[in-house]
Amino acid sequence: MVRAIVLVKSPKKLIAARLRKISCVSDSFPTSGQFDAVAIIEVDELGEIREITNQIQKISGVERTETMVEVQ
């Protein structure tokens, strides 16, 4: 299993709830600071992370994302 954290910049309220609706997002929550929400992704293959981040970037109001893959 591969895990990643996606930081999401979006002025939209409830963005964390919208992130939870995406498959493979195991958790999401709002944050303070430079980014407005965090999504935790769990997938079987590394290449799937790109597909999920593309889905996140297509959500209305998402301005940018930054992805960090867990290193084991």
PDB file of N, CA and C in Angstrom:
ATOM      1  N   MET A   1       0.833  -1.172   0.000  1.00  0.00           N
ATOM      2  CA  MET A   1       0.000   0.000   0.000  1.00  0.00           C
ATOM      3  C   MET A   1       0.881   1.239   0.000  1.00  0.00           C
ATOM      4  N   VAL A   2       0.445   2.239  -0.740  1.00  0.00           N
ATOM      5  CA  VAL A   2       1.156   3.509  -0.829  1.00  0.00           C
ATOM      6  C   VAL A   2       0.264   4.586  -0.238  1.00  0.00           C
ATOM      7  N   ARG A   3       0.821   5.400   0.653  1.00  0.00           N
ATOM      8  CA  ARG A   3       0.073   6.503   1.242  1.00  0.00           C
ATOM      9  C   ARG A   3       0.679   7.821   0.818  1.00  0.00           C
ATOM     10  N   ALA A   4      -0.196   8.817   0.694  1.00  0.00           N
ATOM     11  CA  ALA A   4       0.250  10.163   0.359  1.00  0.00           C
ATOM     12  C   ALA A   4      -0.621  11.172   1.081  1.00  0.00           C
ATOM     13  N   ILE A   5      -0.051  12.334   1.302  1.00  0.00           N
ATOM     14  CA  ILE A   5      -0.782  13.451   1.876  1.00  0.00           C
ATOM     15  C   ILE A   5      -0.877  14.512   0.785  1.00  0.00           C
ATOM     16  N   VAL A   6      -2.097  14.995   0.558  1.00  0.00           N
ATOM     17  CA  VAL A   6      -2.312  16.045  -0.427  1.00  0.00           C
ATOM     18  C   VAL A   6      -2.776  17.292   0.312  1.00  0.00           C
ATOM     19  N   LEU A   7      -2.011  18.363   0.190  1.00  0.00           N
ATOM     20  CA  LEU A   7      -2.381  19.652   0.758  1.00  0.00           C
ATOM     21  C   LEU A   7      -3.186  20.395  -0.296  1.00  0.00           C
ATOM     22  N   VAL A   8      -4.308  20.989   0.101  1.00  0.00           N
ATOM     23  CA  VAL A   8      -5.230  21.608  -0.856  1.00  0.00           C
ATOM     24  C   VAL A   8      -5.469  23.066  -0.485  1.00  0.00           C
ATOM     25  N   LYS A   9      -5.289  23.940  -1.470  1.00  0.00           N
ATOM     26  CA  LYS A   9      -5.571  25.371  -1.319  1.00  0.00           C
ATOM     27  C   LYS A   9      -6.910  25.638  -1.992  1.00  0.00           C
ATOM     28  N   SER A  10      -7.892  26.066  -1.202  1.00  0.00           N
ATOM     29  CA  SER A  10      -9.222  26.348  -1.738  1.00  0.00           C
ATOM     30  C   SER A  10      -9.979  27.245  -0.773  1.00  0.00           C
ATOM     31  N   PRO A  11     -10.465  28.374  -1.251  1.00  0.00           N
ATOM     32  CA  PRO A  11     -11.241  29.248  -0.368  1.00  0.00           C
ATOM     33  C   PRO A  11     -12.649  28.719  -0.108  1.00  0.00           C
ATOM     34  N   LYS A  12     -13.054  27.667  -0.802  1.00  0.00           N
ATOM     35  CA  LYS A  12     -14.400  27.107  -0.637  1.00  0.00           C
ATOM     36  C   LYS A  12     -14.566  26.492   0.748  1.00  0.00           C
ATOM     37  N   LYS A  13     -15.668  26.775   1.368  1.00  0.00           N
ATOM     38  CA  LYS A  13     -15.985  26.142   2.652  1.00  0.00           C
ATOM     39  C   LYS A  13     -16.362  24.694   2.388  1.00  0.00           C
ATOM     40  N   LEU A  14     -16.146  23.868   3.359  1.00  0.00           N
ATOM     41  CA  LEU A  14     -16.483  22.441   3.287  1.00  0.00           C
ATOM     42  C   LEU A  14     -15.667  21.669   2.255  1.00  0.00           C
ATOM     43  N   ILE A  15     -14.495  22.179   1.870  1.00  0.00           N
ATOM     44  CA  ILE A  15     -13.667  21.466   0.891  1.00  0.00           C
ATOM     45  C   ILE A  15     -13.238  20.108   1.443  1.00  0.00           C
ATOM     46  N   ALA A  16     -12.983  20.007   2.740  1.00  0.00           N
ATOM     47  CA  ALA A  16     -12.563  18.727   3.324  1.00  0.00           C
ATOM     48  C   ALA A  16     -13.652  17.676   3.162  1.00  0.00           C
ATOM     49  N   ALA A  17     -14.904  18.064   3.318  1.00  0.00           N
ATOM     50  CA  ALA A  17     -16.019  17.122   3.135  1.00  0.00           C
ATOM     51  C   ALA A  17     -16.108  16.664   1.685  1.00  0.00           C
ATOM     52  N   ARG A  18     -15.834  17.558   0.755  1.00  0.00           N
ATOM     53  CA  ARG A  18     -15.867  17.186  -0.669  1.00  0.00           C
ATOM     54  C   ARG A  18     -14.722  16.237  -1.007  1.00  0.00           C
ATOM     55  N   LEU A  19     -13.579  16.410  -0.350  1.00  0.00           N
ATOM     56  CA  LEU A  19     -12.440  15.528  -0.594  1.00  0.00           C
ATOM     57  C   LEU A  19     -12.747  14.102  -0.143  1.00  0.00           C
ATOM     58  N   ARG A  20     -13.479  13.968   0.962  1.00  0.00           N
ATOM     59  CA  ARG A  20     -13.806  12.635   1.494  1.00  0.00           C
ATOM     60  C   ARG A  20     -14.651  11.809   0.545  1.00  0.00           C
ATOM     61  N   LYS A  21     -15.327  12.445  -0.382  1.00  0.00           N
ATOM     62  CA  LYS A  21     -16.187  11.735  -1.338  1.00  0.00           C
ATOM     63  C   LYS A  21     -15.392  11.046  -2.444  1.00  0.00           C
ATOM     64  N   ILE A  22     -14.112  11.381  -2.579  1.00  0.00           N
ATOM     65  CA  ILE A  22     -13.267  10.778  -3.616  1.00  0.00           C
ATOM     66  C   ILE A  22     -12.782   9.423  -3.131  1.00  0.00           C
ATOM     67  N   SER A  23     -12.889   8.426  -4.013  1.00  0.00           N
ATOM     68  CA  SER A  23     -12.412   7.096  -3.630  1.00  0.00           C
ATOM     69  C   SER A  23     -10.921   7.161  -3.338  1.00  0.00           C
ATOM     70  N   CYS A  24     -10.467   6.350  -2.453  1.00  0.00           N
ATOM     71  CA  CYS A  24      -9.066   6.255  -2.012  1.00  0.00           C
ATOM     72  C   CYS A  24      -8.654   7.364  -1.050  1.00  0.00           C
ATOM     73  N   VAL A  25      -9.521   8.334  -0.776  1.00  0.00           N
ATOM     74  CA  VAL A  25      -9.229   9.322   0.259  1.00  0.00           C
ATOM     75  C   VAL A  25      -9.714   8.721   1.572  1.00  0.00           C
ATOM     76  N   SER A  26      -8.773   8.324   2.409  1.00  0.00           N
ATOM     77  CA  SER A  26      -9.140   7.661   3.657  1.00  0.00           C
ATOM     78  C   SER A  26      -9.547   8.652   4.743  1.00  0.00           C
ATOM     79  N   ASP A  27      -9.063   9.890   4.638  1.00  0.00           N
ATOM     80  CA  ASP A  27      -9.423  10.916   5.609  1.00  0.00           C
ATOM     81  C   ASP A  27      -9.123  12.280   5.005  1.00  0.00           C
ATOM     82  N   SER A  28      -9.833  13.280   5.465  1.00  0.00           N
ATOM     83  CA  SER A  28      -9.533  14.667   5.093  1.00  0.00           C
ATOM     84  C   SER A  28     -10.047  15.565   6.202  1.00  0.00           C
ATOM     85  N   PHE A  29      -9.388  16.700   6.340  1.00  0.00           N
ATOM     86  CA  PHE A  29      -9.775  17.624   7.396  1.00  0.00           C
ATOM     87  C   PHE A  29      -9.298  19.023   7.038  1.00  0.00           C
ATOM     88  N   PRO A  30     -10.011  20.055   7.532  1.00  0.00           N
ATOM     89  CA  PRO A  30      -9.597  21.433   7.288  1.00  0.00           C
ATOM     90  C   PRO A  30      -8.355  21.769   8.117  1.00  0.00           C
ATOM     91  N   THR A  31      -7.569  22.697   7.618  1.00  0.00           N
ATOM     92  CA  THR A  31      -6.363  23.133   8.326  1.00  0.00           C
ATOM     93  C   THR A  31      -6.265  24.653   8.298  1.00  0.00           C
ATOM     94  N   SER A  32      -5.439  25.193   9.163  1.00  0.00           N
ATOM     95  CA  SER A  32      -5.134  26.615   9.125  1.00  0.00           C
ATOM     96  C   SER A  32      -3.756  26.764   8.485  1.00  0.00           C
ATOM     97  N   GLY A  33      -3.459  27.945   8.012  1.00  0.00           N
ATOM     98  CA  GLY A  33      -2.147  28.187   7.412  1.00  0.00           C
ATOM     99  C   GLY A  33      -2.231  28.340   5.907  1.00  0.00           C
ATOM    100  N   GLN A  34      -1.156  28.012   5.236  1.00  0.00           N
ATOM    101  CA  GLN A  34      -1.043  28.216   3.793  1.00  0.00           C
ATOM    102  C   GLN A  34      -2.050  27.380   3.005  1.00  0.00           C
ATOM    103  N   PHE A  35      -2.375  26.183   3.483  1.00  0.00           N
ATOM    104  CA  PHE A  35      -3.335  25.312   2.811  1.00  0.00           C
ATOM    105  C   PHE A  35      -4.600  25.221   3.642  1.00  0.00           C
ATOM    106  N   ASP A  36      -5.717  24.938   2.975  1.00  0.00           N
ATOM    107  CA  ASP A  36      -7.016  24.952   3.636  1.00  0.00           C
ATOM    108  C   ASP A  36      -7.518  23.575   4.055  1.00  0.00           C
ATOM    109  N   ALA A  37      -6.958  22.525   3.462  1.00  0.00           N
ATOM    110  CA  ALA A  37      -7.386  21.164   3.809  1.00  0.00           C
ATOM    111  C   ALA A  37      -6.282  20.172   3.500  1.00  0.00           C
ATOM    112  N   VAL A  38      -6.386  19.010   4.127  1.00  0.00           N
ATOM    113  CA  VAL A  38      -5.456  17.904   3.902  1.00  0.00           C
ATOM    114  C   VAL A  38      -6.283  16.682   3.536  1.00  0.00           C
ATOM    115  N   ALA A  39      -5.811  15.925   2.548  1.00  0.00           N
ATOM    116  CA  ALA A  39      -6.428  14.647   2.196  1.00  0.00           C
ATOM    117  C   ALA A  39      -5.376  13.559   2.343  1.00  0.00           C
ATOM    118  N   ILE A  40      -5.746  12.464   2.988  1.00  0.00           N
ATOM    119  CA  ILE A  40      -4.874  11.302   3.118  1.00  0.00           C
ATOM    120  C   ILE A  40      -5.334  10.286   2.078  1.00  0.00           C
ATOM    121  N   ILE A  41      -4.418   9.875   1.214  1.00  0.00           N
ATOM    122  CA  ILE A  41      -4.729   8.940   0.132  1.00  0.00           C
ATOM    123  C   ILE A  41      -4.046   7.611   0.415  1.00  0.00           C
ATOM    124  N   GLU A  42      -4.764   6.527   0.210  1.00  0.00           N
ATOM    125  CA  GLU A  42      -4.193   5.184   0.328  1.00  0.00           C
ATOM    126  C   GLU A  42      -4.552   4.408  -0.933  1.00  0.00           C
ATOM    127  N   VAL A  43      -3.517   3.982  -1.684  1.00  0.00           N
ATOM    128  CA  VAL A  43      -3.716   3.257  -2.943  1.00  0.00           C
ATOM    129  C   VAL A  43      -2.789   2.046  -2.983  1.00  0.00           C
ATOM    130  N   ASP A  44      -3.031   1.165  -3.957  1.00  0.00           N
ATOM    131  CA  ASP A  44      -2.196  -0.027  -4.106  1.00  0.00           C
ATOM    132  C   ASP A  44      -0.905   0.256  -4.867  1.00  0.00           C
ATOM    133  N   GLU A  45      -0.972   1.126  -5.871  1.00  0.00           N
ATOM    134  CA  GLU A  45       0.176   1.403  -6.740  1.00  0.00           C
ATOM    135  C   GLU A  45       0.493   2.892  -6.748  1.00  0.00           C
ATOM    136  N   LEU A  46       1.758   3.223  -6.830  1.00  0.00           N
ATOM    137  CA  LEU A  46       2.211   4.611  -6.833  1.00  0.00           C
ATOM    138  C   LEU A  46       1.537   5.440  -7.927  1.00  0.00           C
ATOM    139  N   GLY A  47       1.362   4.864  -9.111  1.00  0.00           N
ATOM    140  CA  GLY A  47       0.773   5.589 -10.237  1.00  0.00           C
ATOM    141  C   GLY A  47      -0.650   6.045  -9.998  1.00  0.00           C
ATOM    142  N   GLU A  48      -1.345   5.411  -9.073  1.00  0.00           N
ATOM    143  CA  GLU A  48      -2.731   5.784  -8.784  1.00  0.00           C
ATOM    144  C   GLU A  48      -2.828   7.142  -8.091  1.00  0.00           C
ATOM    145  N   ILE A  49      -1.765   7.549  -7.443  1.00  0.00           N
ATOM    146  CA  ILE A  49      -1.785   8.827  -6.731  1.00  0.00           C
ATOM    147  C   ILE A  49      -2.037   9.971  -7.700  1.00  0.00           C
ATOM    148  N   ARG A  50      -1.432   9.909  -8.848  1.00  0.00           N
ATOM    149  CA  ARG A  50      -1.629  10.973  -9.851  1.00  0.00           C
ATOM    150  C   ARG A  50      -3.094  11.063 -10.273  1.00  0.00           C
ATOM    151  N   GLU A  51      -3.734   9.912 -10.459  1.00  0.00           N
ATOM    152  CA  GLU A  51      -5.151   9.908 -10.835  1.00  0.00           C
ATOM    153  C   GLU A  51      -6.006  10.580  -9.763  1.00  0.00           C
ATOM    154  N   ILE A  52      -5.735  10.279  -8.511  1.00  0.00           N
ATOM    155  CA  ILE A  52      -6.513  10.853  -7.414  1.00  0.00           C
ATOM    156  C   ILE A  52      -6.253  12.356  -7.303  1.00  0.00           C
ATOM    157  N   THR A  53      -5.001  12.776  -7.420  1.00  0.00           N
ATOM    158  CA  THR A  53      -4.715  14.212  -7.335  1.00  0.00           C
ATOM    159  C   THR A  53      -5.349  14.959  -8.499  1.00  0.00           C
ATOM    160  N   ASN A  54      -5.425  14.348  -9.661  1.00  0.00           N
ATOM    161  CA  ASN A  54      -6.116  14.977 -10.793  1.00  0.00           C
ATOM    162  C   ASN A  54      -7.590  15.174 -10.476  1.00  0.00           C
ATOM    163  N   GLN A  55      -8.218  14.191  -9.828  1.00  0.00           N
ATOM    164  CA  GLN A  55      -9.619  14.328  -9.424  1.00  0.00           C
ATOM    165  C   GLN A  55      -9.794  15.467  -8.432  1.00  0.00           C
ATOM    166  N   ILE A  56      -8.862  15.573  -7.496  1.00  0.00           N
ATOM    167  CA  ILE A  56      -8.929  16.646  -6.506  1.00  0.00           C
ATOM    168  C   ILE A  56      -8.791  18.005  -7.188  1.00  0.00           C
ATOM    169  N   GLN A  57      -7.884  18.126  -8.131  1.00  0.00           N
ATOM    170  CA  GLN A  57      -7.661  19.397  -8.815  1.00  0.00           C
ATOM    171  C   GLN A  57      -8.851  19.822  -9.673  1.00  0.00           C
ATOM    172  N   LYS A  58      -9.708  18.884 -10.030  1.00  0.00           N
ATOM    173  CA  LYS A  58     -10.893  19.199 -10.832  1.00  0.00           C
ATOM    174  C   LYS A  58     -12.065  19.687  -9.995  1.00  0.00           C
ATOM    175  N   ILE A  59     -11.966  19.605  -8.669  1.00  0.00           N
ATOM    176  CA  ILE A  59     -13.040  20.093  -7.801  1.00  0.00           C
ATOM    177  C   ILE A  59     -13.118  21.613  -7.940  1.00  0.00           C
ATOM    178  N   SER A  60     -14.315  22.106  -8.130  1.00  0.00           N
ATOM    179  CA  SER A  60     -14.527  23.543  -8.269  1.00  0.00           C
ATOM    180  C   SER A  60     -13.977  24.288  -7.053  1.00  0.00           C
ATOM    181  N   GLY A  61     -13.161  25.289  -7.294  1.00  0.00           N
ATOM    182  CA  GLY A  61     -12.603  26.099  -6.216  1.00  0.00           C
ATOM    183  C   GLY A  61     -11.214  25.700  -5.769  1.00  0.00           C
ATOM    184  N   VAL A  62     -10.737  24.536  -6.184  1.00  0.00           N
ATOM    185  CA  VAL A  62      -9.379  24.128  -5.797  1.00  0.00           C
ATOM    186  C   VAL A  62      -8.392  24.957  -6.613  1.00  0.00           C
ATOM    187  N   GLU A  63      -7.555  25.708  -5.925  1.00  0.00           N
ATOM    188  CA  GLU A  63      -6.586  26.576  -6.585  1.00  0.00           C
ATOM    189  C   GLU A  63      -5.272  25.864  -6.869  1.00  0.00           C
ATOM    190  N   ARG A  64      -4.825  25.053  -5.911  1.00  0.00           N
ATOM    191  CA  ARG A  64      -3.593  24.302  -6.110  1.00  0.00           C
ATOM    192  C   ARG A  64      -3.489  23.201  -5.078  1.00  0.00           C
ATOM    193  N   THR A  65      -2.609  22.250  -5.372  1.00  0.00           N
ATOM    194  CA  THR A  65      -2.364  21.143  -4.446  1.00  0.00           C
ATOM    195  C   THR A  65      -0.873  20.900  -4.340  1.00  0.00           C
ATOM    196  N   GLU A  66      -0.493  20.255  -3.267  1.00  0.00           N
ATOM    197  CA  GLU A  66       0.883  19.803  -3.105  1.00  0.00           C
ATOM    198  C   GLU A  66       0.815  18.396  -2.513  1.00  0.00           C
ATOM    199  N   THR A  67       1.511  17.463  -3.145  1.00  0.00           N
ATOM    200  CA  THR A  67       1.431  16.062  -2.754  1.00  0.00           C
ATOM    201  C   THR A  67       2.746  15.593  -2.163  1.00  0.00           C
ATOM    202  N   MET A  68       2.644  14.869  -1.055  1.00  0.00           N
ATOM    203  CA  MET A  68       3.815  14.275  -0.409  1.00  0.00           C
ATOM    204  C   MET A  68       3.548  12.786  -0.244  1.00  0.00           C
ATOM    205  N   VAL A  69       4.411  11.962  -0.832  1.00  0.00           N
ATOM    206  CA  VAL A  69       4.264  10.513  -0.768  1.00  0.00           C
ATOM    207  C   VAL A  69       5.070   9.982   0.408  1.00  0.00           C
ATOM    208  N   GLU A  70       4.452   9.094   1.172  1.00  0.00           N
ATOM    209  CA  GLU A  70       5.129   8.479   2.305  1.00  0.00           C
ATOM    210  C   GLU A  70       6.302   7.633   1.802  1.00  0.00           C
ATOM    211  N   VAL A  71       7.455   7.799   2.443  1.00  0.00           N
ATOM    212  CA  VAL A  71       8.646   7.045   2.084  1.00  0.00           C
ATOM    213  C   VAL A  71       8.880   5.994   3.173  1.00  0.00           C
ATOM    214  N   GLN A  72       9.076   4.756   2.722  1.00  0.00           N
ATOM    215  CA  GLN A  72       9.291   3.667   3.707  1.00  0.00           C
ATOM    216  C   GLN A  72      10.648   3.068   3.533  1.00  0.00           C
TER     217      GLN A  72
END
